[in-house]
Amino acid sequence: NWVDQYGGQMAPTPAEAAKGCDMVFACVGNDDDLRAVTTGPDGAFQSMRADTIFVDHTTASAEVARELGAAADADGFRFIDAPISGGQAGAENGALTVMCGGDQAVFDRAKPAIDCYSKQVGLMGPIGSGQLTKMVNQICIAGLVQGLSEAIAFAQKAGLDVEAVIGVISKGAAQSWQMENRWKTMNEDAFDHGFAVDWMRKDLGILLDEAK
């Protein structure tokens, strides 16, 4: 449907898709998936031309980002780790937050393209820094979502009017984006927030490994 709607092209492999491109963008599941679509037998790195840019939006480890950055440098092209935040809604509305790791000059070349689907994009440091920043982001989100869910459950069991409670506390120090946007569905015991629990578990596993 996307190809028909926007006039894109399909390719049977990442290597075929990357042929002739000045920039290649990817977003897959985890470190193993990322290696498969980059340095695998049919991976995009097999056909990247000199001085082109590979932008990776996968939430993965800082280690694999550095590994792929080194592989790109060895073959004469550039790599940016650029994990995203904003979920499905942010992607569909062009309102993602993008945390990048890489060289300033490479980032400056890639940023105009990334700006097309983001509301905030920043260079956080050398390759791997984007992934480390995403880990900070996920710590904050996981804590906020868990805390808000527990707070709403407590309010319900205490017999309080949850809407009235949120109306008051959201004007104070407890206010957050999660509170403003998630309390209604949480109050209805609906937790379909556009980001699967399994993906959050994966992300938290990556940051726990990094913390060790």
Protein backbone atom coordinates (compact mmCIF):
# COMPACT_ATOMS: atom_id res chain seq x y z
CA ASN A 1 0.00 0.00 0.00
CA TRP A 2 2.80 2.43 0.86
CA VAL A 3 4.54 1.81 -2.44
CA ASP A 4 1.32 2.41 -4.38
CA GLN A 5 0.41 5.52 -2.40
CA TYR A 6 3.77 7.25 -2.46
CA GLY A 7 5.35 5.89 -5.61
CA GLY A 8 8.11 3.99 -3.85
CA GLN A 9 9.98 0.93 -5.02
CA MET A 10 10.32 -2.52 -3.51
CA ALA A 11 13.47 -4.65 -3.43
CA PRO A 12 13.94 -8.33 -2.53
CA THR A 13 16.94 -7.69 -0.25
CA PRO A 14 18.46 -4.80 1.72
CA ALA A 15 21.48 -4.92 -0.60
CA GLU A 16 19.25 -4.36 -3.61
CA ALA A 17 17.33 -1.61 -1.84
CA ALA A 18 20.52 0.29 -0.99
CA LYS A 19 21.94 0.30 -4.52
CA GLY A 20 22.38 3.81 -5.86
CA CYS A 21 21.10 5.51 -2.69
CA ASP A 22 22.78 8.52 -1.10
CA MET A 23 21.16 7.70 2.24
CA VAL A 24 19.69 4.47 3.58
CA PHE A 25 17.34 4.36 6.57
CA ALA A 26 16.57 1.27 8.63
CA CYS A 27 14.47 0.40 11.67
CA VAL A 28 14.31 -3.26 12.69
CA GLY A 29 13.89 -5.27 15.87
CA ASN A 30 17.17 -5.91 17.68
CA ASP A 31 20.93 -6.32 17.33
CA ASP A 32 20.68 -9.60 15.42
CA ASP A 33 18.11 -8.19 13.00
CA LEU A 34 20.28 -5.14 12.47
CA ARG A 35 23.36 -7.19 11.69
CA ALA A 36 21.31 -9.29 9.25
CA VAL A 37 20.12 -6.27 7.23
CA THR A 38 23.51 -4.53 7.25
CA THR A 39 26.49 -6.89 7.27
CA GLY A 40 24.61 -10.09 6.41
CA PRO A 41 25.03 -11.82 3.01
CA ASP A 42 22.27 -9.71 1.45
CA GLY A 43 22.76 -6.75 3.78
CA ALA A 44 22.71 -3.12 2.77
CA PHE A 45 26.40 -2.65 3.56
CA GLN A 46 27.22 -4.87 0.58
CA SER A 47 26.12 -2.16 -1.84
CA MET A 48 26.68 1.12 0.00
CA ARG A 49 28.76 3.53 -2.08
CA ALA A 50 31.62 5.68 -0.81
CA ASP A 51 30.58 8.69 1.30
CA THR A 52 26.92 7.66 1.46
CA ILE A 53 25.13 7.54 4.83
CA PHE A 54 23.37 4.71 6.64
CA VAL A 55 20.95 5.97 9.30
CA ASP A 56 19.82 3.34 11.78
CA HIS A 57 16.62 4.03 13.74
CA THR A 58 16.59 0.68 15.53
CA THR A 59 16.70 0.71 19.32
CA ALA A 60 19.74 -1.50 19.74
CA SER A 61 22.91 -1.68 21.81
CA ALA A 62 25.59 0.98 21.74
CA GLU A 63 28.01 -1.88 21.08
CA VAL A 64 26.41 -2.86 17.79
CA ALA A 65 26.25 0.80 16.77
CA ARG A 66 30.00 1.13 17.25
CA GLU A 67 30.56 -2.17 15.45
CA LEU A 68 28.58 -1.04 12.42
CA GLY A 69 30.15 2.40 12.52
CA ALA A 70 33.58 0.80 12.27
CA ALA A 71 32.42 -1.45 9.42
CA ALA A 72 31.07 1.56 7.54
CA ASP A 73 34.29 3.53 8.00
CA ALA A 74 36.31 0.58 6.73
CA ASP A 75 34.28 0.56 3.52
CA GLY A 76 34.31 4.33 3.02
CA PHE A 77 30.73 5.26 3.90
CA ARG A 78 29.15 6.77 7.01
CA PHE A 79 26.93 5.48 9.82
CA ILE A 80 24.64 7.24 12.30
CA ASP A 81 22.84 5.50 15.15
CA ALA A 82 19.55 7.35 15.48
CA PRO A 83 17.01 5.58 17.71
CA ILE A 84 13.60 7.19 17.87
CA SER A 85 10.90 7.96 20.42
CA GLY A 86 7.27 8.76 19.79
CA GLY A 87 5.75 5.39 18.96
CA GLN A 88 3.46 4.58 16.08
CA ALA A 89 1.55 7.85 16.36
CA GLY A 90 4.75 9.87 16.22
CA ALA A 91 5.89 8.01 13.13
CA GLU A 92 2.57 8.40 11.33
CA ASN A 93 2.33 12.10 12.17
CA GLY A 94 5.95 12.99 11.42
CA ALA A 95 6.52 13.93 15.06
CA LEU A 96 9.29 11.61 16.21
CA THR A 97 12.13 12.51 18.54
CA VAL A 98 15.45 11.30 17.13
CA MET A 99 18.63 10.84 19.19
CA CYS A 100 21.73 10.59 17.02
CA GLY A 101 25.29 9.41 17.44
CA GLY A 102 27.94 10.16 14.85
CA ASP A 103 30.19 12.83 13.35
CA GLN A 104 28.91 16.41 13.18
CA ALA A 105 29.50 16.72 9.43
CA VAL A 106 27.64 13.48 8.72
CA PHE A 107 24.79 14.49 11.02
CA ASP A 108 24.50 17.86 9.27
CA ARG A 109 24.08 16.09 5.93
CA ALA A 110 21.47 13.67 7.24
CA LYS A 111 19.45 16.08 9.38
CA PRO A 112 17.34 17.68 6.60
CA ALA A 113 16.01 14.24 5.67
CA ILE A 114 15.41 13.24 9.31
CA ASP A 115 13.61 16.55 9.90
CA CYS A 116 10.91 15.41 7.47
CA TYR A 117 9.52 12.92 9.98
CA SER A 118 10.65 14.32 13.33
CA LYS A 119 9.78 17.20 15.63
CA GLN A 120 13.09 17.05 17.49
CA VAL A 121 16.45 15.70 16.37
CA GLY A 122 19.79 16.14 18.06
CA LEU A 123 23.38 14.92 17.87
CA MET A 124 24.26 13.49 21.27
CA GLY A 125 27.92 12.64 20.65
CA PRO A 126 29.98 10.02 18.76
CA ILE A 127 28.55 6.78 17.40
CA GLY A 128 26.76 4.91 20.17
CA SER A 129 25.60 8.08 21.92
CA GLY A 130 22.20 7.94 20.26
CA GLN A 131 21.61 4.48 21.69
CA LEU A 132 22.81 5.54 25.14
CA THR A 133 20.43 8.50 25.06
CA LYS A 134 17.56 6.20 24.08
CA MET A 135 18.36 4.07 27.12
CA VAL A 136 17.95 7.16 29.32
CA ASN A 137 14.65 7.83 27.56
CA GLN A 138 13.38 4.30 28.18
CA ILE A 139 14.29 4.41 31.87
CA CYS A 140 12.18 7.55 32.19
CA ILE A 141 9.24 6.17 30.20
CA ALA A 142 9.15 2.81 31.98
CA GLY A 143 9.24 4.50 35.37
CA LEU A 144 6.54 7.01 34.46
CA VAL A 145 4.19 4.43 32.94
CA GLN A 146 4.58 2.05 35.87
CA GLY A 147 4.16 4.84 38.41
CA LEU A 148 1.09 6.28 36.69
CA SER A 149 -0.52 2.85 36.38
CA GLU A 150 0.05 2.11 40.08
CA ALA A 151 -1.25 5.55 41.06
CA ILE A 152 -4.47 5.13 39.07
CA ALA A 153 -5.02 1.65 40.51
CA PHE A 154 -4.57 3.07 44.02
CA ALA A 155 -7.02 5.91 43.33
CA GLN A 156 -9.61 3.46 42.02
CA LYS A 157 -9.30 1.16 45.01
CA ALA A 158 -9.48 4.14 47.36
CA GLY A 159 -12.82 5.09 45.83
CA LEU A 160 -11.62 8.39 44.41
CA ASP A 161 -12.86 10.07 41.24
CA VAL A 162 -9.83 9.42 39.04
CA GLU A 163 -10.67 12.22 36.61
CA ALA A 164 -10.89 14.69 39.47
CA VAL A 165 -7.63 13.42 40.93
CA ILE A 166 -5.79 13.77 37.62
CA GLY A 167 -7.33 17.19 37.09
CA VAL A 168 -5.68 18.40 40.28
CA ILE A 169 -2.34 16.59 40.36
CA SER A 170 -1.62 17.18 36.67
CA LYS A 171 -1.25 20.87 37.49
CA GLY A 172 1.52 20.15 39.99
CA ALA A 173 4.85 18.35 40.18
CA ALA A 174 3.35 15.00 39.14
CA GLN A 175 2.46 16.27 35.67
CA SER A 176 3.94 14.42 32.69
CA TRP A 177 3.23 13.67 29.03
CA GLN A 178 2.27 10.14 30.04
CA MET A 179 -0.25 11.47 32.55
CA GLU A 180 -1.81 13.86 30.06
CA ASN A 181 -2.05 11.27 27.29
CA ARG A 182 -2.46 7.89 29.03
CA TRP A 183 -4.52 8.30 32.18
CA LYS A 184 -7.91 7.92 30.47
CA THR A 185 -7.08 4.61 28.81
CA MET A 186 -5.33 3.33 31.93
CA ASN A 187 -8.42 4.21 33.96
CA GLU A 188 -10.42 2.02 31.57
CA ASP A 189 -7.85 -0.79 31.93
CA ALA A 190 -6.80 -0.33 28.30
CA PHE A 191 -3.05 -0.39 27.76
CA ASP A 192 -2.72 -0.39 23.97
CA HIS A 193 -0.33 2.55 23.74
CA GLY A 194 1.13 1.75 20.34
CA PHE A 195 4.29 0.13 21.76
CA ALA A 196 4.33 -3.55 22.69
CA VAL A 197 5.39 -4.64 26.17
CA ASP A 198 7.80 -7.12 24.59
CA TRP A 199 9.62 -4.26 22.84
CA MET A 200 9.94 -2.34 26.11
CA ARG A 201 11.30 -5.47 27.78
CA LYS A 202 13.83 -5.76 24.96
CA ASP A 203 14.86 -2.13 25.37
CA LEU A 204 15.21 -2.43 29.14
CA GLY A 205 17.27 -5.60 28.70
CA ILE A 206 19.68 -3.69 26.47
CA LEU A 207 20.12 -0.90 29.00
CA LEU A 208 20.56 -3.34 31.89
CA ASP A 209 23.34 -5.04 29.94
CA GLU A 210 24.91 -1.63 29.30
CA ALA A 211 24.61 -0.66 32.97
CA LYS A 212 26.52 -3.78 34.00
